[in-house]
Amino acid sequence: MANKTTDVSAAEVVELLEIDGGEKVIVFGAGNGDLVIPIAHKTKDRVTALEKDESLLDKLALRAEEETLTNIDRMPSGLGRLNFPDSAFQRGLAAFVLDSTDDIELAAKEIYRVTIEKGIFLALGYSKDHSVDLVADKLQGAGFEVTKGQLHEELYYVKAYKA
């Protein structure tokens, strides 16, 4: 199976997240860390990596160790009810998981809940799935202000602001 994040520019993702060095970040669908590692390099605060597949979290741990990153927390978890306090994160990223979760409405509400005021959340997905409007609609319905865009022809993003 091809790695979904190989076609994503980590620099573009970091730029869209507007990480300037002091943000606490949550990443859903962390995988083996293709996007987590660059985010962890960019922020001095904690990066919480959530991934259902624990073997991918093990690979992420090895990669983080190789790059001497000590600010990554790994948790086996999907989307749904999140065991984090309200307003726990300044930034959030869902890489190729939000549009395929069982309850996208609940996920959007939980993401909104754990995002701090003035926080930014970014969802990535495949344009061919035509789910950009669904993701944008659910994030907007949860309370975010959203903008949509393309990273390139095959990949969309939804950038959500918590006002």
Protein backbone atom coordinates (compact mmCIF):
# COMPACT_ATOMS: atom_id res chain seq x y z
CA MET A 1 0.00 0.00 0.00
CA ALA A 2 1.38 3.40 -0.96
CA ASN A 3 1.98 5.88 1.80
CA LYS A 4 -0.69 8.57 1.48
CA THR A 5 1.49 11.33 2.87
CA THR A 6 4.32 10.93 0.35
CA ASP A 7 2.55 13.29 -2.05
CA VAL A 8 2.08 15.93 0.64
CA SER A 9 4.56 18.72 1.15
CA ALA A 10 5.21 18.77 4.90
CA ALA A 11 6.47 22.34 4.53
CA GLU A 12 3.12 23.37 3.02
CA VAL A 13 1.22 21.66 5.84
CA VAL A 14 3.35 23.39 8.49
CA GLU A 15 2.78 26.70 6.69
CA LEU A 16 -1.00 26.17 6.52
CA LEU A 17 -1.02 25.33 10.23
CA GLU A 18 0.83 28.60 10.89
CA ILE A 19 3.17 26.95 13.38
CA ASP A 20 5.65 29.48 14.71
CA GLY A 21 7.26 27.46 17.46
CA GLY A 22 5.10 27.49 20.57
CA GLU A 23 1.99 25.53 19.63
CA LYS A 24 0.68 22.32 21.15
CA VAL A 25 -0.43 20.19 18.18
CA ILE A 26 -2.68 17.13 17.84
CA VAL A 27 -2.37 14.92 14.74
CA PHE A 28 -5.08 12.40 13.81
CA GLY A 29 -3.99 9.65 11.45
CA ALA A 30 -0.36 10.18 12.44
CA GLY A 31 0.82 7.10 10.56
CA ASN A 32 4.56 6.54 10.76
CA GLY A 33 5.20 10.25 11.19
CA ASP A 34 5.67 11.73 7.71
CA LEU A 35 3.85 14.88 8.85
CA VAL A 36 4.34 14.51 12.61
CA ILE A 37 8.16 14.67 12.43
CA PRO A 38 8.32 18.02 10.56
CA ILE A 39 5.68 19.49 12.88
CA ALA A 40 7.64 18.31 15.93
CA HIS A 41 10.77 19.96 14.51
CA LYS A 42 8.86 23.23 14.07
CA THR A 43 7.24 23.56 17.52
CA LYS A 44 8.96 23.58 20.89
CA ASP A 45 5.74 22.36 22.56
CA ARG A 46 4.21 18.85 22.52
CA VAL A 47 2.87 17.03 19.47
CA THR A 48 0.24 14.39 20.25
CA ALA A 49 0.15 11.73 17.53
CA LEU A 50 -3.03 9.63 17.35
CA GLU A 51 -3.12 6.51 15.20
CA LYS A 52 -5.27 3.35 15.31
CA ASP A 53 -2.45 1.13 14.01
CA GLU A 54 -0.02 0.68 16.90
CA SER A 55 2.68 -0.74 14.58
CA LEU A 56 2.77 2.65 12.82
CA LEU A 57 3.16 4.36 16.19
CA ASP A 58 6.16 2.09 16.85
CA LYS A 59 7.69 3.20 13.54
CA LEU A 60 7.01 6.81 14.50
CA ALA A 61 8.79 6.25 17.83
CA LEU A 62 11.87 4.91 16.02
CA ARG A 63 11.90 7.84 13.58
CA ALA A 64 11.54 10.34 16.43
CA GLU A 65 14.41 8.67 18.28
CA GLU A 66 16.60 8.78 15.14
CA GLU A 67 15.94 12.51 14.84
CA THR A 68 16.38 13.06 18.60
CA LEU A 69 12.86 14.45 18.95
CA THR A 70 11.52 14.24 22.49
CA ASN A 71 8.33 16.30 22.11
CA ILE A 72 6.08 13.64 20.49
CA ASP A 73 3.44 11.80 22.52
CA ARG A 74 2.00 8.71 20.79
CA MET A 75 -1.47 7.35 21.50
CA PRO A 76 -3.39 4.51 19.88
CA SER A 77 -6.68 6.21 19.04
CA GLY A 78 -9.06 7.02 16.26
CA LEU A 79 -11.51 9.86 15.96
CA GLY A 80 -14.52 10.07 18.21
CA ARG A 81 -14.74 11.00 21.86
CA LEU A 82 -11.34 12.40 22.79
CA ASN A 83 -9.85 12.06 26.24
CA PHE A 84 -8.44 15.60 26.31
CA PRO A 85 -9.64 18.71 28.13
CA ASP A 86 -11.41 21.55 26.33
CA SER A 87 -9.10 23.95 24.48
CA ALA A 88 -6.07 21.65 24.90
CA PHE A 89 -4.46 22.31 21.49
CA GLN A 90 -3.52 25.39 19.46
CA ARG A 91 -3.22 23.42 16.22
CA GLY A 92 -4.68 20.21 14.83
CA LEU A 93 -4.27 18.06 11.75
CA ALA A 94 -6.30 15.16 10.37
CA ALA A 95 -4.39 13.49 7.55
CA PHE A 96 -6.65 11.34 5.35
CA VAL A 97 -8.89 10.15 8.20
CA LEU A 98 -11.65 12.69 8.85
CA ASP A 99 -13.60 11.95 5.68
CA SER A 100 -13.61 8.21 6.39
CA THR A 101 -14.47 8.17 10.09
CA ASP A 102 -17.69 6.49 11.22
CA ASP A 103 -19.14 9.64 12.80
CA ILE A 104 -17.68 12.71 11.14
CA GLU A 105 -20.13 15.00 12.96
CA LEU A 106 -18.99 13.78 16.39
CA ALA A 107 -15.35 13.99 15.27
CA ALA A 108 -15.81 17.60 14.11
CA LYS A 109 -17.46 18.58 17.41
CA GLU A 110 -14.68 16.94 19.43
CA ILE A 111 -11.99 18.60 17.32
CA TYR A 112 -13.70 21.94 17.91
CA ARG A 113 -13.90 21.25 21.64
CA VAL A 114 -10.19 20.46 22.06
CA THR A 115 -9.06 23.39 19.88
CA ILE A 116 -8.22 26.63 21.67
CA GLU A 117 -9.82 29.96 20.66
CA LYS A 118 -7.94 31.38 17.65
CA GLY A 119 -6.71 27.84 16.99
CA ILE A 120 -6.30 26.29 13.55
CA PHE A 121 -7.30 22.82 12.41
CA LEU A 122 -6.35 21.35 9.03
CA ALA A 123 -7.96 18.35 7.32
CA LEU A 124 -6.32 16.67 4.31
CA GLY A 125 -7.98 14.30 1.87
CA TYR A 126 -8.12 13.02 -1.67
CA SER A 127 -9.95 15.23 -4.17
CA LYS A 128 -11.28 12.22 -6.08
CA ASP A 129 -13.31 11.25 -3.00
CA HIS A 130 -15.30 14.49 -3.35
CA SER A 131 -15.39 14.72 0.43
CA VAL A 132 -13.99 18.25 0.71
CA ASP A 133 -17.51 19.72 0.89
CA LEU A 134 -18.63 17.17 3.49
CA VAL A 135 -15.57 17.83 5.68
CA ALA A 136 -15.94 21.60 5.31
CA ASP A 137 -19.66 21.40 6.09
CA LYS A 138 -19.15 19.28 9.24
CA LEU A 139 -16.32 21.49 10.54
CA GLN A 140 -18.40 24.59 9.88
CA GLY A 141 -21.37 22.96 11.59
CA ALA A 142 -19.19 22.35 14.66
CA GLY A 143 -18.43 26.07 14.86
CA PHE A 144 -15.28 26.61 12.80
CA GLU A 145 -14.84 29.21 10.06
CA VAL A 146 -13.51 27.24 7.08
CA THR A 147 -11.65 27.75 3.83
CA LYS A 148 -11.03 25.08 1.22
CA GLY A 149 -8.09 24.65 -1.10
CA GLN A 150 -5.91 22.25 -3.04
CA LEU A 151 -2.39 21.18 -2.11
CA HIS A 152 -2.26 19.89 -5.66
CA GLU A 153 -4.65 18.34 -8.16
CA GLU A 154 -5.21 15.16 -6.15
CA LEU A 155 -5.22 16.52 -2.58
CA TYR A 156 -7.58 18.95 -0.90
CA TYR A 157 -7.34 20.71 2.40
CA VAL A 158 -9.90 22.30 4.67
CA LYS A 159 -8.46 24.92 6.96
CA ALA A 160 -10.64 25.66 9.98
CA TYR A 161 -10.34 28.59 12.39
CA LYS A 162 -11.88 28.69 15.83
CA ALA A 163 -12.91 32.33 16.26
